[in-house]
């Protein structure tokens, strides 16, 4: 990760040769490191739709914006959802009434949820369309990276014997990972006064993944299926641009 950040900074400086300090966002396009914090709501497609329902994402990203409004950066997102559709593995734990018994003979409160993450390198550009200044406008981005997702068991009191052993759940969690491609189309606003810095748009992802477990305990077989885990949805967030506005712009604009 450290090497990726260093490479991004070097490339950006080669493209820009500007120095950090006091800048006028209103008057000209500026060089700026930017930290983004985001929330996304995604609808799954293809193989991902067969395993999970809709999910949310919380993300953080670091970008370098050049004076030509190109963006270079890295983006990390935590995936979480409450709907798991692929639950055939749990049938062996259920009784005739469909419940899962705990150690005390009562029905357990166990839940199955979606968990995962993405990590990607991205490039993009801001086009000065519908913009309030040279640093804002329509934004398009594309990226390549890594996607991982799995079924997580929420058994707070470790009450289910067959799922409470250390590492035993790994035989059922269907952990899958692989190559990720992303595309984003939206809008970025870097305000003249640096008070409102936001972005939003639509994001599409395609993950080319495979099950990474040696075999699934419920089937006794290794799953070598090549998956297409796609999703699309809305992504919004706010930004922290790491530059100082000019004194005139800060006090009088």
Protein backbone atom coordinates (compact mmCIF):
# COMPACT_ATOMS: atom_id res chain seq x y z
CA UNK A 1 0.00 0.00 0.00
CA UNK A 2 2.84 2.42 0.87
CA UNK A 3 4.44 1.87 -2.55
CA UNK A 4 1.11 2.60 -4.27
CA UNK A 5 0.75 5.95 -2.49
CA UNK A 6 4.33 6.94 -3.36
CA UNK A 7 3.79 6.03 -7.02
CA UNK A 8 0.59 8.11 -7.18
CA UNK A 9 2.31 11.18 -5.76
CA UNK A 10 5.30 10.86 -8.12
CA UNK A 11 3.09 10.50 -11.20
CA UNK A 12 0.94 13.45 -10.17
CA UNK A 13 3.95 15.72 -9.63
CA UNK A 14 5.38 14.73 -13.00
CA UNK A 15 2.09 15.81 -14.56
CA UNK A 16 1.74 19.01 -12.57
CA UNK A 17 4.95 20.49 -11.05
CA UNK A 18 2.83 22.68 -8.79
CA UNK A 19 3.55 23.18 -5.08
CA UNK A 20 1.13 22.84 -2.22
CA UNK A 21 0.18 26.00 -0.42
CA UNK A 22 -2.30 28.79 -0.84
CA UNK A 23 -4.38 28.38 -3.97
CA UNK A 24 -7.43 29.97 -5.57
CA UNK A 25 -9.97 27.28 -6.35
CA UNK A 26 -12.31 29.83 -7.89
CA UNK A 27 -9.87 31.23 -10.46
CA UNK A 28 -7.98 28.20 -11.80
CA UNK A 29 -7.65 24.43 -11.71
CA UNK A 30 -5.27 23.48 -8.92
CA UNK A 31 -3.09 20.60 -7.82
CA UNK A 32 -4.67 18.99 -4.74
CA UNK A 33 -4.39 15.79 -2.72
CA UNK A 34 -7.95 14.77 -1.76
CA UNK A 35 -9.30 12.36 0.84
CA UNK A 36 -12.79 11.02 0.10
CA UNK A 37 -15.26 9.41 2.52
CA UNK A 38 -18.20 7.66 0.88
CA UNK A 39 -21.37 5.62 1.26
CA UNK A 40 -22.77 3.41 -1.46
CA UNK A 41 -25.95 1.40 -1.90
CA UNK A 42 -25.54 -1.44 -4.39
CA UNK A 43 -27.86 -3.84 -6.19
CA UNK A 44 -26.19 -7.17 -7.05
CA UNK A 45 -26.27 -8.89 -10.41
CA UNK A 46 -25.23 -12.17 -12.06
CA UNK A 47 -23.75 -14.69 -9.57
CA UNK A 48 -23.66 -12.19 -6.72
CA UNK A 49 -27.44 -11.79 -6.94
CA UNK A 50 -27.87 -15.55 -6.45
CA UNK A 51 -25.94 -15.42 -3.16
CA UNK A 52 -26.78 -12.02 -1.62
CA UNK A 53 -29.38 -9.27 -1.63
CA UNK A 54 -28.71 -5.53 -1.75
CA UNK A 55 -25.73 -4.31 0.25
CA UNK A 56 -24.14 -1.11 1.50
CA UNK A 57 -20.56 0.13 1.29
CA UNK A 58 -18.51 2.47 3.47
CA UNK A 59 -15.35 3.71 1.79
CA UNK A 60 -12.28 5.87 2.06
CA UNK A 61 -10.06 6.94 -0.83
CA UNK A 62 -6.99 9.04 -1.51
CA UNK A 63 -6.65 10.91 -4.80
CA UNK A 64 -4.24 13.32 -6.42
CA UNK A 65 -5.95 15.90 -8.64
CA UNK A 66 -3.70 17.59 -11.19
CA UNK A 67 -4.06 21.06 -12.67
CA UNK A 68 -5.54 19.42 -15.75
CA UNK A 69 -8.23 17.86 -13.55
CA UNK A 70 -6.99 14.30 -13.87
CA UNK A 71 -7.42 12.09 -10.81
CA UNK A 72 -5.11 9.27 -9.67
CA UNK A 73 -5.78 7.32 -6.49
CA UNK A 74 -6.65 4.27 -4.44
CA UNK A 75 -10.05 3.36 -3.03
CA UNK A 76 -11.07 0.94 -0.23
CA UNK A 77 -14.65 -0.08 0.61
CA UNK A 78 -16.18 -2.25 3.33
CA UNK A 79 -19.19 -4.26 2.09
CA UNK A 80 -22.05 -5.31 4.36
CA UNK A 81 -25.56 -6.64 3.84
CA UNK A 82 -28.21 -8.52 5.82
CA UNK A 83 -29.70 -10.76 3.13
CA UNK A 84 -28.12 -14.12 2.27
CA UNK A 85 -29.96 -16.22 -0.33
CA UNK A 86 -27.55 -19.16 -0.62
CA UNK A 87 -28.32 -20.99 2.62
CA UNK A 88 -28.61 -24.63 1.56
CA UNK A 89 -25.55 -25.44 3.69
CA UNK A 90 -27.55 -24.60 6.84
CA UNK A 91 -30.20 -27.26 6.18
CA UNK A 92 -28.13 -29.91 7.94
CA UNK A 93 -28.31 -27.87 11.16
CA UNK A 94 -32.09 -27.35 11.14
CA UNK A 95 -34.71 -29.51 12.83
CA UNK A 96 -38.13 -30.46 11.47
CA UNK A 97 -39.45 -26.99 12.34
CA UNK A 98 -36.67 -25.21 10.45
CA UNK A 99 -34.88 -23.88 13.54
CA UNK A 100 -31.27 -24.36 14.61
CA UNK A 101 -30.85 -25.74 18.13
CA UNK A 102 -28.26 -24.35 20.54
CA UNK A 103 -26.30 -26.18 23.26
CA UNK A 104 -29.03 -25.48 25.80
CA UNK A 105 -31.69 -27.20 23.72
CA UNK A 106 -33.39 -23.94 22.77
CA UNK A 107 -33.47 -22.35 19.35
CA UNK A 108 -30.39 -20.24 18.69
CA UNK A 109 -30.35 -16.66 17.51
CA UNK A 110 -27.95 -17.12 14.63
CA UNK A 111 -27.95 -14.86 11.60
CA UNK A 112 -26.26 -15.10 8.23
CA UNK A 113 -24.99 -11.83 6.72
CA UNK A 114 -22.84 -10.62 3.85
CA UNK A 115 -19.39 -9.19 4.50
CA UNK A 116 -16.56 -8.19 2.16
CA UNK A 117 -14.31 -5.47 0.84
CA UNK A 118 -12.86 -3.98 -2.32
CA UNK A 119 -9.47 -2.38 -2.93
CA UNK A 120 -8.76 -0.69 -6.26
CA UNK A 121 -6.51 1.75 -8.08
CA UNK A 122 -8.47 4.38 -10.01
CA UNK A 123 -7.97 7.05 -12.65
CA UNK A 124 -10.45 9.68 -13.74
CA UNK A 125 -11.08 13.17 -14.95
CA UNK A 126 -13.26 16.13 -14.01
CA UNK A 127 -14.89 17.91 -16.94
CA UNK A 128 -15.92 21.54 -16.43
CA UNK A 129 -19.57 20.99 -17.30
CA UNK A 130 -22.24 22.50 -15.02
CA UNK A 131 -19.35 23.66 -12.85
CA UNK A 132 -19.10 26.50 -10.30
CA UNK A 133 -15.31 26.76 -10.73
CA UNK A 134 -12.49 25.16 -12.77
CA UNK A 135 -12.07 22.38 -10.18
CA UNK A 136 -15.64 21.09 -10.25
CA UNK A 137 -17.87 19.37 -12.79
CA UNK A 138 -18.88 16.07 -14.34
CA UNK A 139 -16.56 13.31 -13.13
CA UNK A 140 -15.84 9.95 -14.76
CA UNK A 141 -13.59 7.28 -13.25
CA UNK A 142 -12.47 3.72 -13.90
CA UNK A 143 -10.48 1.32 -11.79
CA UNK A 144 -9.03 -2.14 -11.37
CA UNK A 145 -8.50 -3.98 -8.12
CA UNK A 146 -9.56 -6.79 -5.80
CA UNK A 147 -12.97 -7.98 -4.54
CA UNK A 148 -13.64 -10.37 -1.66
CA UNK A 149 -16.96 -11.44 -0.12
CA UNK A 150 -18.19 -14.20 2.19
CA UNK A 151 -21.12 -15.38 4.31
CA UNK A 152 -20.59 -14.44 7.94
CA UNK A 153 -22.33 -16.18 10.85
CA UNK A 154 -23.57 -13.93 13.66
CA UNK A 155 -23.71 -16.30 16.64
CA UNK A 156 -23.00 -13.98 19.57
CA UNK A 157 -22.94 -16.61 22.29
CA UNK A 158 -21.27 -19.41 20.29
CA UNK A 159 -24.30 -21.61 20.97
CA UNK A 160 -24.39 -23.76 17.82
CA UNK A 161 -21.99 -26.73 18.26
CA UNK A 162 -21.23 -27.36 14.59
CA UNK A 163 -20.51 -23.67 13.88
CA UNK A 164 -18.75 -22.62 17.08
CA UNK A 165 -15.42 -24.39 16.57
CA UNK A 166 -12.38 -22.27 15.83
CA UNK A 167 -12.20 -21.88 12.06
CA UNK A 168 -14.96 -24.42 11.44
CA UNK A 169 -17.20 -21.81 9.84
CA UNK A 170 -14.67 -21.46 7.02
CA UNK A 171 -16.00 -24.66 5.51
CA UNK A 172 -19.36 -22.99 4.99
CA UNK A 173 -18.69 -19.27 4.41
CA UNK A 174 -18.12 -19.51 0.60
CA UNK A 175 -15.32 -16.93 0.76
CA UNK A 176 -14.65 -15.81 -2.81
CA UNK A 177 -12.27 -13.26 -4.26
CA UNK A 178 -10.65 -12.11 -7.46
CA UNK A 179 -10.19 -9.36 -10.02
CA UNK A 180 -12.42 -6.27 -9.79
CA UNK A 181 -13.29 -3.68 -12.46
CA UNK A 182 -15.14 -0.45 -11.57
CA UNK A 183 -16.71 2.46 -13.47
CA UNK A 184 -18.17 5.68 -12.03
CA UNK A 185 -20.13 8.53 -13.58
CA UNK A 186 -21.17 11.51 -11.49
CA UNK A 187 -20.32 14.99 -10.26
CA UNK A 188 -17.67 16.46 -7.95
CA UNK A 189 -17.95 19.85 -6.26
CA UNK A 190 -14.94 21.60 -4.70
CA UNK A 191 -16.46 24.82 -3.40
CA UNK A 192 -14.87 28.24 -3.70
CA UNK A 193 -14.83 28.68 0.07
CA UNK A 194 -13.75 25.10 0.83
CA UNK A 195 -16.85 24.66 3.00
CA UNK A 196 -18.78 22.23 0.78
CA UNK A 197 -16.76 19.54 -0.97
CA UNK A 198 -18.98 16.66 -2.10
CA UNK A 199 -19.41 14.11 -4.88
CA UNK A 200 -22.03 11.65 -6.04
CA UNK A 201 -23.00 9.45 -8.91
CA UNK A 202 -23.60 5.94 -10.18
CA UNK A 203 -21.00 3.19 -9.85
CA UNK A 204 -20.78 -0.16 -11.64
CA UNK A 205 -18.57 -3.08 -10.60
CA UNK A 206 -17.65 -6.45 -12.11
CA UNK A 207 -15.85 -9.05 -10.02
CA UNK A 208 -14.26 -12.16 -11.55
CA UNK A 209 -13.99 -14.39 -8.48
CA UNK A 210 -13.65 -17.99 -7.27
CA UNK A 211 -14.23 -19.81 -3.99
CA UNK A 212 -10.95 -19.84 -2.03
CA UNK A 213 -11.71 -22.62 0.46
CA UNK A 214 -10.15 -26.08 0.02
CA UNK A 215 -13.66 -27.56 -0.11
CA UNK A 216 -17.17 -26.92 1.23
CA UNK A 217 -18.00 -29.04 4.29
CA UNK A 218 -21.65 -29.48 3.35
CA UNK A 219 -20.87 -30.92 -0.10
CA UNK A 220 -17.44 -32.38 0.56
CA UNK A 221 -16.31 -30.91 -2.77
CA UNK A 222 -14.07 -28.06 -3.88
CA UNK A 223 -15.92 -25.31 -5.74
CA UNK A 224 -13.90 -24.25 -8.82
CA UNK A 225 -16.75 -22.31 -10.44
CA UNK A 226 -15.67 -19.08 -12.12
CA UNK A 227 -18.04 -16.37 -10.89
CA UNK A 228 -19.17 -13.03 -12.30
CA UNK A 229 -20.12 -10.90 -9.29
CA UNK A 230 -21.49 -7.63 -10.62
CA UNK A 231 -23.30 -4.76 -8.90
CA UNK A 232 -24.46 -1.23 -9.53
CA UNK A 233 -25.81 1.59 -7.42
CA UNK A 234 -25.49 5.08 -6.01
CA UNK A 235 -22.33 6.37 -4.35
CA UNK A 236 -22.13 9.68 -2.47
CA UNK A 237 -19.59 11.28 -0.17
CA UNK A 238 -17.67 14.27 1.06
CA UNK A 239 -14.05 15.29 0.48
CA UNK A 240 -11.17 16.84 2.39
CA UNK A 241 -8.95 18.71 -0.10
CA UNK A 242 -5.48 19.17 1.36
CA UNK A 243 -4.62 22.71 0.31
CA UNK A 244 -4.92 26.22 1.73
CA UNK A 245 -7.19 28.78 0.07
CA UNK A 246 -5.76 32.22 -0.57
CA UNK A 247 -6.33 34.73 2.27
CA UNK A 248 -8.42 36.91 -0.06
CA UNK A 249 -10.63 34.01 -1.08
CA UNK A 250 -10.97 32.78 2.49
CA UNK A 251 -12.00 36.08 4.07
CA UNK A 252 -13.73 38.01 1.33
CA UNK A 253 -15.23 35.60 -1.22
